[in-house]
Amino acid sequence: MKRTLVVGDLNVDIIASGMSLFPELGREILCSDIRTVLGGSASIFACRLAQLGSKVDILGKVGNDEYGRTVLNALKSNGVGIDKVIVKDDLRTGVTISLTYPENKALITFMGSIGALEKSDVKPEVFKGYGHLHISSIYLQPKLLNSLSEIFAEAKEQGLVTSLDPQCDPQGKYEKIWEILEYTDIFLPNGDEAMDITGTTNVSSALKKLGLKVKAVVIKCGCEGAVGMANGEIVNVKAFKIKPIDTTGAGDSFDAGFIYYFVHKNKSLRDSIIFANAVGALACLRIGGAEGKITEGEALNFIIGQKC
């Protein structure tokens, strides 16, 4: 099984849930629960992939502070290797405050260490011993963005499979994305991201356009499921019907499920998307992106139960 190196954002999420109203200026509302948990697209992906049974290490930056220690402890407890995490005394660990509702959420982020990675932190020798590289949230990595195509090219030169979840670009420009996709094997955007990147008005058109550039593309469409394309094959898979508690990290959990099945277990595109849908759905039944371990067995049992 290929060992994975994940590069990207490390932070904590402070999640408030159980609100009946949305906050207004000058007004206080109550929540039924609030907790501080591991956050960050890259770290959530790494934890879910490790929970499923893969060998995973992560490269990112945190501050030498309480939140940084929370991040490191959470990664370690989930079986993610942290030897490549850079701890800096002059940084404060990033924080996202998440106001979570059953179908959506509102986020406030203090960047801190989230965007502190630089090209010099990702040296060519770091890829030795790995078979897969995953990077996410590239538009929260301003110091790394211009170098990502070179980083992916180096990884591929050393024989690694590369995967990318771009996450939303707050500026809506998606700069450098086509250069990066030149060296990307698996692309995992959501529907809005895919359409914005390709300039199309529907997911089907976006998929076909991206499929001309990348070997495997899977577009996440939330409650509508997911659609994928690889080797000319197009697969549509419906979402499992659930009552979500918290959607934090659902897309990252989906990514982990897909990579685990498609890359690490060499399963078919359809089976991999079905498995990814199951992992993403199970993640929505927990509060926090990486909370509540999701195993391969649990995901498979969930799929069987949904078919009954």
C-alpha atoms as a PDB file:
ATOM      1  CA  MET A   1       0.000   0.000   0.000  1.00  0.00           C
ATOM      2  CA  LYS A   2       1.364   3.422  -1.005  1.00  0.00           C
ATOM      3  CA  ARG A   3       2.485   5.700   1.808  1.00  0.00           C
ATOM      4  CA  THR A   4       0.912   9.158   1.564  1.00  0.00           C
ATOM      5  CA  LEU A   5       2.440  12.554   2.236  1.00  0.00           C
ATOM      6  CA  VAL A   6      -0.109  15.306   2.835  1.00  0.00           C
ATOM      7  CA  VAL A   7       0.921  18.956   2.511  1.00  0.00           C
ATOM      8  CA  GLY A   8      -1.257  21.832   3.640  1.00  0.00           C
ATOM      9  CA  ASP A   9      -3.169  23.636   6.349  1.00  0.00           C
ATOM     10  CA  LEU A  10      -3.076  22.790  10.040  1.00  0.00           C
ATOM     11  CA  ASN A  11      -5.365  24.587  12.467  1.00  0.00           C
ATOM     12  CA  VAL A  12      -8.042  24.086  15.103  1.00  0.00           C
ATOM     13  CA  ASP A  13     -11.774  24.463  14.627  1.00  0.00           C
ATOM     14  CA  ILE A  14     -13.919  25.947  17.379  1.00  0.00           C
ATOM     15  CA  ILE A  15     -17.341  24.550  16.529  1.00  0.00           C
ATOM     16  CA  ALA A  16     -20.593  25.913  17.936  1.00  0.00           C
ATOM     17  CA  SER A  17     -23.708  23.857  17.172  1.00  0.00           C
ATOM     18  CA  GLY A  18     -27.340  23.545  18.175  1.00  0.00           C
ATOM     19  CA  MET A  19     -28.338  27.141  17.423  1.00  0.00           C
ATOM     20  CA  SER A  20     -31.921  27.848  16.398  1.00  0.00           C
ATOM     21  CA  LEU A  21     -31.134  31.270  14.910  1.00  0.00           C
ATOM     22  CA  PHE A  22     -28.313  32.967  13.039  1.00  0.00           C
ATOM     23  CA  PRO A  23     -26.375  35.626  15.001  1.00  0.00           C
ATOM     24  CA  GLU A  24     -27.230  39.301  14.570  1.00  0.00           C
ATOM     25  CA  LEU A  25     -25.249  42.353  15.609  1.00  0.00           C
ATOM     26  CA  GLY A  26     -26.252  43.485  19.071  1.00  0.00           C
ATOM     27  CA  ARG A  27     -28.010  40.215  19.891  1.00  0.00           C
ATOM     28  CA  GLU A  28     -26.890  37.148  21.821  1.00  0.00           C
ATOM     29  CA  ILE A  29     -27.994  33.626  20.892  1.00  0.00           C
ATOM     30  CA  LEU A  30     -27.377  30.318  22.663  1.00  0.00           C
ATOM     31  CA  CYS A  31     -25.857  27.079  21.393  1.00  0.00           C
ATOM     32  CA  SER A  32     -26.228  23.573  22.781  1.00  0.00           C
ATOM     33  CA  ASP A  33     -22.605  22.555  22.249  1.00  0.00           C
ATOM     34  CA  ILE A  34     -19.173  24.105  21.651  1.00  0.00           C
ATOM     35  CA  ARG A  35     -15.869  22.296  21.300  1.00  0.00           C
ATOM     36  CA  THR A  36     -12.318  22.785  20.052  1.00  0.00           C
ATOM     37  CA  VAL A  37     -11.189  20.119  17.586  1.00  0.00           C
ATOM     38  CA  LEU A  38      -8.679  19.506  14.832  1.00  0.00           C
ATOM     39  CA  GLY A  39      -9.367  21.590  11.730  1.00  0.00           C
ATOM     40  CA  GLY A  40      -7.796  22.236   8.346  1.00  0.00           C
ATOM     41  CA  SER A  41      -8.571  20.478   5.091  1.00  0.00           C
ATOM     42  CA  ALA A  42      -5.188  18.782   4.871  1.00  0.00           C
ATOM     43  CA  SER A  43      -5.185  17.534   8.454  1.00  0.00           C
ATOM     44  CA  ILE A  44      -8.777  16.267   8.292  1.00  0.00           C
ATOM     45  CA  PHE A  45      -7.962  14.397   5.070  1.00  0.00           C
ATOM     46  CA  ALA A  46      -4.824  12.919   6.645  1.00  0.00           C
ATOM     47  CA  CYS A  47      -6.703  11.723   9.737  1.00  0.00           C
ATOM     48  CA  ARG A  48      -9.548  10.123   7.791  1.00  0.00           C
ATOM     49  CA  LEU A  49      -7.100   8.374   5.440  1.00  0.00           C
ATOM     50  CA  ALA A  50      -5.120   7.042   8.396  1.00  0.00           C
ATOM     51  CA  GLN A  51      -8.328   5.911  10.135  1.00  0.00           C
ATOM     52  CA  LEU A  52      -9.229   3.884   7.049  1.00  0.00           C
ATOM     53  CA  GLY A  53      -5.933   2.029   7.243  1.00  0.00           C
ATOM     54  CA  SER A  54      -3.367   3.922   5.163  1.00  0.00           C
ATOM     55  CA  LYS A  55       0.086   5.027   6.244  1.00  0.00           C
ATOM     56  CA  VAL A  56       0.082   8.829   6.279  1.00  0.00           C
ATOM     57  CA  ASP A  57       2.461  11.646   7.218  1.00  0.00           C
ATOM     58  CA  ILE A  58       1.724  15.358   7.087  1.00  0.00           C
ATOM     59  CA  LEU A  59       3.809  18.453   6.369  1.00  0.00           C
ATOM     60  CA  GLY A  60       2.533  21.788   7.622  1.00  0.00           C
ATOM     61  CA  LYS A  61       3.222  24.525  10.155  1.00  0.00           C
ATOM     62  CA  VAL A  62       1.830  25.306  13.600  1.00  0.00           C
ATOM     63  CA  GLY A  63       2.738  27.732  16.325  1.00  0.00           C
ATOM     64  CA  ASN A  64       4.412  26.728  19.559  1.00  0.00           C
ATOM     65  CA  ASP A  65       1.197  27.326  21.485  1.00  0.00           C
ATOM     66  CA  GLU A  66      -1.772  25.556  23.022  1.00  0.00           C
ATOM     67  CA  TYR A  67      -3.635  25.246  19.726  1.00  0.00           C
ATOM     68  CA  GLY A  68      -0.518  23.907  18.037  1.00  0.00           C
ATOM     69  CA  ARG A  69      -0.253  21.204  20.660  1.00  0.00           C
ATOM     70  CA  THR A  70      -3.948  20.403  20.145  1.00  0.00           C
ATOM     71  CA  VAL A  71      -3.265  19.894  16.431  1.00  0.00           C
ATOM     72  CA  LEU A  72      -0.227  17.682  16.992  1.00  0.00           C
ATOM     73  CA  ASN A  73      -1.937  15.554  19.623  1.00  0.00           C
ATOM     74  CA  ALA A  74      -4.987  15.026  17.424  1.00  0.00           C
ATOM     75  CA  LEU A  75      -2.892  14.034  14.405  1.00  0.00           C
ATOM     76  CA  LYS A  76      -0.810  11.643  16.490  1.00  0.00           C
ATOM     77  CA  SER A  77      -3.856  10.057  18.133  1.00  0.00           C
ATOM     78  CA  ASN A  78      -5.288   9.354  14.673  1.00  0.00           C
ATOM     79  CA  GLY A  79      -2.127   7.611  13.515  1.00  0.00           C
ATOM     80  CA  VAL A  80      -0.773  10.413  11.306  1.00  0.00           C
ATOM     81  CA  GLY A  81       2.997  10.868  11.300  1.00  0.00           C
ATOM     82  CA  ILE A  82       3.975  14.342  12.544  1.00  0.00           C
ATOM     83  CA  ASP A  83       7.770  14.279  12.165  1.00  0.00           C
ATOM     84  CA  LYS A  84       7.526  16.679   9.202  1.00  0.00           C
ATOM     85  CA  VAL A  85       5.311  19.232  10.971  1.00  0.00           C
ATOM     86  CA  ILE A  86       7.215  22.488  11.503  1.00  0.00           C
ATOM     87  CA  VAL A  87       6.649  24.172  14.886  1.00  0.00           C
ATOM     88  CA  LYS A  88       7.521  27.879  14.962  1.00  0.00           C
ATOM     89  CA  ASP A  89       7.893  30.072  18.039  1.00  0.00           C
ATOM     90  CA  ASP A  90       7.065  33.230  16.086  1.00  0.00           C
ATOM     91  CA  LEU A  91       3.741  31.924  14.694  1.00  0.00           C
ATOM     92  CA  ARG A  92       0.294  31.590  16.200  1.00  0.00           C
ATOM     93  CA  THR A  93      -1.628  28.494  15.153  1.00  0.00           C
ATOM     94  CA  GLY A  94      -4.558  29.215  12.853  1.00  0.00           C
ATOM     95  CA  VAL A  95      -8.128  29.057  14.137  1.00  0.00           C
ATOM     96  CA  THR A  96     -11.484  28.697  12.387  1.00  0.00           C
ATOM     97  CA  ILE A  97     -14.677  29.491  14.281  1.00  0.00           C
ATOM     98  CA  SER A  98     -17.496  27.435  12.783  1.00  0.00           C
ATOM     99  CA  LEU A  99     -21.165  28.183  13.417  1.00  0.00           C
ATOM    100  CA  THR A 100     -22.644  24.868  12.360  1.00  0.00           C
ATOM    101  CA  TYR A 101     -26.214  24.209  11.284  1.00  0.00           C
ATOM    102  CA  PRO A 102     -27.595  20.896   9.950  1.00  0.00           C
ATOM    103  CA  GLU A 103     -27.417  21.892   6.273  1.00  0.00           C
ATOM    104  CA  ASN A 104     -24.742  24.584   6.266  1.00  0.00           C
ATOM    105  CA  LYS A 105     -22.237  26.566   8.298  1.00  0.00           C
ATOM    106  CA  ALA A 106     -20.675  30.019   8.658  1.00  0.00           C
ATOM    107  CA  LEU A 107     -16.914  30.325   9.142  1.00  0.00           C
ATOM    108  CA  ILE A 108     -14.553  32.931  10.583  1.00  0.00           C
ATOM    109  CA  THR A 109     -10.836  32.187  10.166  1.00  0.00           C
ATOM    110  CA  PHE A 110      -7.713  33.617  11.759  1.00  0.00           C
ATOM    111  CA  MET A 111      -4.992  32.562   9.314  1.00  0.00           C
ATOM    112  CA  GLY A 112      -2.005  32.477  11.649  1.00  0.00           C
ATOM    113  CA  SER A 113       0.181  29.526  10.672  1.00  0.00           C
ATOM    114  CA  ILE A 114      -2.276  28.241   8.035  1.00  0.00           C
ATOM    115  CA  GLY A 115      -0.632  30.103   5.160  1.00  0.00           C
ATOM    116  CA  ALA A 116       2.944  30.012   6.432  1.00  0.00           C
ATOM    117  CA  LEU A 117       4.295  27.138   4.324  1.00  0.00           C
ATOM    118  CA  GLU A 118       6.913  28.130   1.743  1.00  0.00           C
ATOM    119  CA  LYS A 119       8.580  26.305  -1.145  1.00  0.00           C
ATOM    120  CA  SER A 120      11.759  25.932   0.921  1.00  0.00           C
ATOM    121  CA  ASP A 121       9.728  23.843   3.398  1.00  0.00           C
ATOM    122  CA  VAL A 122       8.914  21.274   0.695  1.00  0.00           C
ATOM    123  CA  LYS A 123      12.338  20.101  -0.445  1.00  0.00           C
ATOM    124  CA  PRO A 124      12.661  17.431  -3.189  1.00  0.00           C
ATOM    125  CA  GLU A 125      14.103  14.909  -0.735  1.00  0.00           C
ATOM    126  CA  VAL A 126      10.891  15.036   1.323  1.00  0.00           C
ATOM    127  CA  PHE A 127       9.181  12.755  -1.231  1.00  0.00           C
ATOM    128  CA  LYS A 128      11.551   9.840  -0.693  1.00  0.00           C
ATOM    129  CA  GLY A 129       9.717   6.770   0.555  1.00  0.00           C
ATOM    130  CA  TYR A 130       6.247   7.940  -0.524  1.00  0.00           C
ATOM    131  CA  GLY A 131       3.958   6.724  -3.275  1.00  0.00           C
ATOM    132  CA  HIS A 132       1.305   9.434  -3.111  1.00  0.00           C
ATOM    133  CA  LEU A 133       1.179  13.197  -2.533  1.00  0.00           C
ATOM    134  CA  HIS A 134      -2.023  15.058  -1.604  1.00  0.00           C
ATOM    135  CA  ILE A 135      -2.339  18.830  -1.305  1.00  0.00           C
ATOM    136  CA  SER A 136      -5.465  20.787  -0.422  1.00  0.00           C
ATOM    137  CA  SER A 137      -6.640  24.335   0.317  1.00  0.00           C
ATOM    138  CA  ILE A 138      -4.089  25.828  -2.056  1.00  0.00           C
ATOM    139  CA  TYR A 139      -5.668  29.289  -1.927  1.00  0.00           C
ATOM    140  CA  LEU A 140      -4.996  29.441   1.790  1.00  0.00           C
ATOM    141  CA  GLN A 141      -1.303  28.859   0.981  1.00  0.00           C
ATOM    142  CA  PRO A 142      -0.242  32.170  -0.628  1.00  0.00           C
ATOM    143  CA  LYS A 143       3.482  31.593  -0.068  1.00  0.00           C
ATOM    144  CA  LEU A 144       3.290  28.151  -1.658  1.00  0.00           C
ATOM    145  CA  LEU A 145       0.853  28.731  -4.513  1.00  0.00           C
ATOM    146  CA  ASN A 146       3.329  29.907  -7.156  1.00  0.00           C
ATOM    147  CA  SER A 147       5.536  26.873  -6.520  1.00  0.00           C
ATOM    148  CA  LEU A 148       2.879  24.153  -6.482  1.00  0.00           C
ATOM    149  CA  SER A 149       3.292  23.170 -10.131  1.00  0.00           C
ATOM    150  CA  GLU A 150       7.022  22.657  -9.506  1.00  0.00           C
ATOM    151  CA  ILE A 151       6.312  20.690  -6.330  1.00  0.00           C
ATOM    152  CA  PHE A 152       3.828  18.427  -8.120  1.00  0.00           C
ATOM    153  CA  ALA A 153       6.209  18.018 -11.067  1.00  0.00           C
ATOM    154  CA  GLU A 154       9.005  16.956  -8.710  1.00  0.00           C
ATOM    155  CA  ALA A 155       6.723  14.487  -6.954  1.00  0.00           C
ATOM    156  CA  LYS A 156       5.682  12.931 -10.261  1.00  0.00           C
ATOM    157  CA  GLU A 157       9.314  12.816 -11.393  1.00  0.00           C
ATOM    158  CA  GLN A 158       9.992  10.712  -8.293  1.00  0.00           C
ATOM    159  CA  GLY A 159       7.099   8.381  -9.147  1.00  0.00           C
ATOM    160  CA  LEU A 160       4.402   9.635  -6.775  1.00  0.00           C
ATOM    161  CA  VAL A 161       0.706   9.718  -7.643  1.00  0.00           C
ATOM    162  CA  THR A 162      -0.516  13.290  -7.114  1.00  0.00           C
ATOM    163  CA  SER A 163      -3.963  14.397  -5.943  1.00  0.00           C
ATOM    164  CA  LEU A 164      -5.400  17.851  -5.371  1.00  0.00           C
ATOM    165  CA  ASP A 165      -8.461  19.326  -3.701  1.00  0.00           C
ATOM    166  CA  PRO A 166      -8.203  23.045  -4.460  1.00  0.00           C
ATOM    167  CA  GLN A 167     -10.951  24.216  -2.084  1.00  0.00           C
ATOM    168  CA  CYS A 168     -12.603  27.552  -2.787  1.00  0.00           C
ATOM    169  CA  ASP A 169     -10.555  30.557  -3.899  1.00  0.00           C
ATOM    170  CA  PRO A 170     -11.916  33.471  -1.808  1.00  0.00           C
ATOM    171  CA  GLN A 171     -11.005  35.818  -4.677  1.00  0.00           C
ATOM    172  CA  GLY A 172     -12.661  33.596  -7.289  1.00  0.00           C
ATOM    173  CA  LYS A 173      -9.653  33.751  -9.617  1.00  0.00           C
ATOM    174  CA  TYR A 174      -8.210  30.221  -9.266  1.00  0.00           C
ATOM    175  CA  GLU A 175      -4.789  31.444 -10.329  1.00  0.00           C
ATOM    176  CA  LYS A 176      -2.153  28.877 -11.356  1.00  0.00           C
ATOM    177  CA  ILE A 177      -4.705  26.049 -11.342  1.00  0.00           C
ATOM    178  CA  TRP A 178      -4.170  24.923 -14.937  1.00  0.00           C
ATOM    179  CA  GLU A 179      -0.390  24.901 -14.428  1.00  0.00           C
ATOM    180  CA  ILE A 180      -0.818  22.710 -11.343  1.00  0.00           C
ATOM    181  CA  LEU A 181      -3.275  20.376 -13.098  1.00  0.00           C
ATOM    182  CA  GLU A 182      -0.564  19.669 -15.690  1.00  0.00           C
ATOM    183  CA  TYR A 183       1.069  17.500 -13.001  1.00  0.00           C
ATOM    184  CA  THR A 184      -2.063  16.333 -11.155  1.00  0.00           C
ATOM    185  CA  ASP A 185      -3.252  12.723 -11.467  1.00  0.00           C
ATOM    186  CA  ILE A 186      -6.455  13.019  -9.412  1.00  0.00           C
ATOM    187  CA  PHE A 187      -8.501  16.213  -9.089  1.00  0.00           C
ATOM    188  CA  LEU A 188     -11.192  16.485  -6.403  1.00  0.00           C
ATOM    189  CA  PRO A 189     -13.116  19.790  -6.582  1.00  0.00           C
ATOM    190  CA  ASN A 190     -16.726  20.391  -5.650  1.00  0.00           C
ATOM    191  CA  GLY A 191     -19.308  21.427  -8.210  1.00  0.00           C
ATOM    192  CA  ASP A 192     -19.013  25.182  -7.734  1.00  0.00           C
ATOM    193  CA  GLU A 193     -15.214  25.057  -7.841  1.00  0.00           C
ATOM    194  CA  ALA A 194     -15.233  22.915 -10.977  1.00  0.00           C
ATOM    195  CA  MET A 195     -17.589  25.270 -12.821  1.00  0.00           C
ATOM    196  CA  ASP A 196     -15.689  28.386 -11.722  1.00  0.00           C
ATOM    197  CA  ILE A 197     -12.362  26.891 -12.792  1.00  0.00           C
ATOM    198  CA  THR A 198     -13.607  25.803 -16.222  1.00  0.00           C
ATOM    199  CA  GLY A 199     -15.928  28.730 -16.879  1.00  0.00           C
ATOM    200  CA  THR A 200     -18.839  26.378 -17.517  1.00  0.00           C
ATOM    201  CA  THR A 201     -22.415  26.524 -16.271  1.00  0.00           C
ATOM    202  CA  ASN A 202     -22.983  22.875 -15.351  1.00  0.00           C
ATOM    203  CA  VAL A 203     -21.062  20.072 -13.698  1.00  0.00           C
ATOM    204  CA  SER A 204     -21.238  17.764 -16.713  1.00  0.00           C
ATOM    205  CA  SER A 205     -19.455  20.268 -18.947  1.00  0.00           C
ATOM    206  CA  ALA A 206     -16.902  21.024 -16.231  1.00  0.00           C
ATOM    207  CA  LEU A 207     -16.177  17.321 -15.803  1.00  0.00           C
ATOM    208  CA  LYS A 208     -15.540  16.782 -19.506  1.00  0.00           C
ATOM    209  CA  LYS A 209     -13.274  19.820 -19.740  1.00  0.00           C
ATOM    210  CA  LEU A 210     -11.253  18.811 -16.675  1.00  0.00           C
ATOM    211  CA  GLY A 211     -11.133  15.221 -17.916  1.00  0.00           C
ATOM    212  CA  LEU A 212      -9.129  16.379 -20.920  1.00  0.00           C
ATOM    213  CA  LYS A 213      -6.405  17.595 -18.556  1.00  0.00           C
ATOM    214  CA  VAL A 214      -6.375  15.169 -15.618  1.00  0.00           C
ATOM    215  CA  LYS A 215      -6.355  11.347 -15.570  1.00  0.00           C
ATOM    216  CA  ALA A 216      -9.092  11.095 -12.930  1.00  0.00           C
ATOM    217  CA  VAL A 217     -11.567  13.808 -11.915  1.00  0.00           C
ATOM    218  CA  VAL A 218     -14.221  13.447  -9.225  1.00  0.00           C
ATOM    219  CA  ILE A 219     -16.622  16.321  -8.582  1.00  0.00           C
ATOM    220  CA  LYS A 220     -18.457  16.435  -5.253  1.00  0.00           C
ATOM    221  CA  CYS A 221     -22.054  17.613  -5.531  1.00  0.00           C
ATOM    222  CA  GLY A 222     -23.187  17.502  -1.892  1.00  0.00           C
ATOM    223  CA  CYS A 223     -26.602  15.966  -1.356  1.00  0.00           C
ATOM    224  CA  GLU A 224     -26.766  15.099  -5.056  1.00  0.00           C
ATOM    225  CA  GLY A 225     -23.793  12.742  -4.807  1.00  0.00           C
ATOM    226  CA  ALA A 226     -20.712  12.829  -7.014  1.00  0.00           C
ATOM    227  CA  VAL A 227     -19.673  12.373 -10.625  1.00  0.00           C
ATOM    228  CA  GLY A 228     -16.313  11.132 -11.839  1.00  0.00           C
ATOM    229  CA  MET A 229     -14.345  10.567 -15.032  1.00  0.00           C
ATOM    230  CA  ALA A 230     -11.306   8.360 -15.628  1.00  0.00           C
ATOM    231  CA  ASN A 231      -9.979   6.728 -18.790  1.00  0.00           C
ATOM    232  CA  GLY A 232     -12.988   8.017 -20.712  1.00  0.00           C
ATOM    233  CA  GLU A 233     -15.463   6.427 -18.294  1.00  0.00           C
ATOM    234  CA  ILE A 234     -18.053   8.718 -16.665  1.00  0.00           C
ATOM    235  CA  VAL A 235     -19.725   7.568 -13.463  1.00  0.00           C
ATOM    236  CA  ASN A 236     -22.620   9.196 -11.589  1.00  0.00           C
ATOM    237  CA  VAL A 237     -23.257   8.092  -7.995  1.00  0.00           C
ATOM    238  CA  LYS A 238     -26.135   9.312  -5.846  1.00  0.00           C
ATOM    239  CA  ALA A 239     -25.550  10.456  -2.287  1.00  0.00           C
ATOM    240  CA  PHE A 240     -26.664   8.388   0.684  1.00  0.00           C
ATOM    241  CA  LYS A 241     -29.699   9.798   2.472  1.00  0.00           C
ATOM    242  CA  ILE A 242     -28.802  10.955   5.968  1.00  0.00           C
ATOM    243  CA  LYS A 243     -29.740  13.649   8.461  1.00  0.00           C
ATOM    244  CA  PRO A 244     -26.450  15.547   8.862  1.00  0.00           C
ATOM    245  CA  ILE A 245     -25.335  16.823  12.234  1.00  0.00           C
ATOM    246  CA  ASP A 246     -22.246  18.733  11.065  1.00  0.00           C
ATOM    247  CA  THR A 247     -20.897  19.016   7.509  1.00  0.00           C
ATOM    248  CA  THR A 248     -17.437  20.167   8.634  1.00  0.00           C
ATOM    249  CA  GLY A 249     -14.796  18.177   6.755  1.00  0.00           C
ATOM    250  CA  ALA A 250     -17.311  16.126   4.753  1.00  0.00           C
ATOM    251  CA  GLY A 251     -15.532  16.901   1.489  1.00  0.00           C
ATOM    252  CA  ASP A 252     -12.119  16.085   2.953  1.00  0.00           C
ATOM    253  CA  SER A 253     -13.493  12.809   4.318  1.00  0.00           C
ATOM    254  CA  PHE A 254     -14.915  12.043   0.860  1.00  0.00           C
ATOM    255  CA  ASP A 255     -11.460  12.708  -0.620  1.00  0.00           C
ATOM    256  CA  ALA A 256      -9.866  10.314   1.865  1.00  0.00           C
ATOM    257  CA  GLY A 257     -12.388   7.596   1.068  1.00  0.00           C
ATOM    258  CA  PHE A 258     -11.825   7.986  -2.655  1.00  0.00           C
ATOM    259  CA  ILE A 259      -8.026   7.989  -2.409  1.00  0.00           C
ATOM    260  CA  TYR A 260      -8.071   4.990  -0.072  1.00  0.00           C
ATOM    261  CA  TYR A 261     -10.112   2.887  -2.475  1.00  0.00           C
ATOM    262  CA  PHE A 262      -8.910   4.204  -5.857  1.00  0.00           C
ATOM    263  CA  VAL A 263      -5.199   4.705  -5.158  1.00  0.00           C
ATOM    264  CA  HIS A 264      -4.384   2.474  -2.208  1.00  0.00           C
ATOM    265  CA  LYS A 265      -6.670  -0.481  -2.991  1.00  0.00           C
ATOM    266  CA  ASN A 266      -6.859  -0.157  -6.792  1.00  0.00           C
ATOM    267  CA  LYS A 267     -10.652  -0.320  -6.865  1.00  0.00           C
ATOM    268  CA  SER A 268     -12.832   0.799  -9.799  1.00  0.00           C
ATOM    269  CA  LEU A 269     -13.931   4.391 -10.261  1.00  0.00           C
ATOM    270  CA  ARG A 270     -17.545   3.561  -9.394  1.00  0.00           C
ATOM    271  CA  ASP A 271     -16.706   1.518  -6.298  1.00  0.00           C
ATOM    272  CA  SER A 272     -14.319   4.225  -5.150  1.00  0.00           C
ATOM    273  CA  ILE A 273     -16.926   6.971  -5.445  1.00  0.00           C
ATOM    274  CA  ILE A 274     -19.518   4.859  -3.620  1.00  0.00           C
ATOM    275  CA  PHE A 275     -17.016   4.240  -0.820  1.00  0.00           C
ATOM    276  CA  ALA A 276     -16.096   7.932  -0.744  1.00  0.00           C
ATOM    277  CA  ASN A 277     -19.772   8.878  -0.491  1.00  0.00           C
ATOM    278  CA  ALA A 278     -20.111   6.557   2.495  1.00  0.00           C
ATOM    279  CA  VAL A 279     -17.101   8.049   4.313  1.00  0.00           C
ATOM    280  CA  GLY A 280     -18.353  11.577   3.601  1.00  0.00           C
ATOM    281  CA  ALA A 281     -21.837  10.708   4.862  1.00  0.00           C
ATOM    282  CA  LEU A 282     -20.503   9.142   8.052  1.00  0.00           C
ATOM    283  CA  ALA A 283     -18.410  12.260   8.677  1.00  0.00           C
ATOM    284  CA  CYS A 284     -21.613  14.334   8.635  1.00  0.00           C
ATOM    285  CA  LEU A 285     -22.946  12.290  11.551  1.00  0.00           C
ATOM    286  CA  ARG A 286     -20.155  13.544  13.841  1.00  0.00           C
ATOM    287  CA  ILE A 287     -19.331  17.010  15.127  1.00  0.00           C
ATOM    288  CA  GLY A 288     -15.891  18.021  13.874  1.00  0.00           C
ATOM    289  CA  GLY A 289     -14.054  17.165  10.695  1.00  0.00           C
ATOM    290  CA  ALA A 290     -11.962  14.262  11.980  1.00  0.00           C
ATOM    291  CA  GLU A 291     -13.858  13.279  15.123  1.00  0.00           C
ATOM    292  CA  GLY A 292     -15.195   9.774  15.635  1.00  0.00           C
ATOM    293  CA  LYS A 293     -12.939   7.295  13.883  1.00  0.00           C
ATOM    294  CA  ILE A 294     -14.297   6.022  10.541  1.00  0.00           C
ATOM    295  CA  THR A 295     -12.899   2.618   9.588  1.00  0.00           C
ATOM    296  CA  GLU A 296     -13.104   0.728   6.317  1.00  0.00           C
ATOM    297  CA  GLY A 297     -15.352  -1.837   7.976  1.00  0.00           C
ATOM    298  CA  GLU A 298     -17.762   0.812   9.229  1.00  0.00           C
ATOM    299  CA  ALA A 299     -17.976   2.397   5.787  1.00  0.00           C
ATOM    300  CA  LEU A 300     -18.657  -0.955   4.114  1.00  0.00           C
ATOM    301  CA  ASN A 301     -21.308  -1.849   6.683  1.00  0.00           C
ATOM    302  CA  PHE A 302     -22.919   1.553   6.109  1.00  0.00           C
ATOM    303  CA  ILE A 303     -23.072   0.882   2.358  1.00  0.00           C
ATOM    304  CA  ILE A 304     -24.641  -2.553   2.941  1.00  0.00           C
ATOM    305  CA  GLY A 305     -27.155  -1.057   5.367  1.00  0.00           C
ATOM    306  CA  GLN A 306     -28.171   1.599   2.875  1.00  0.00           C
ATOM    307  CA  LYS A 307     -28.913  -1.061   0.258  1.00  0.00           C
ATOM    308  CA  CYS A 308     -31.271  -2.980   2.578  1.00  0.00           C
END
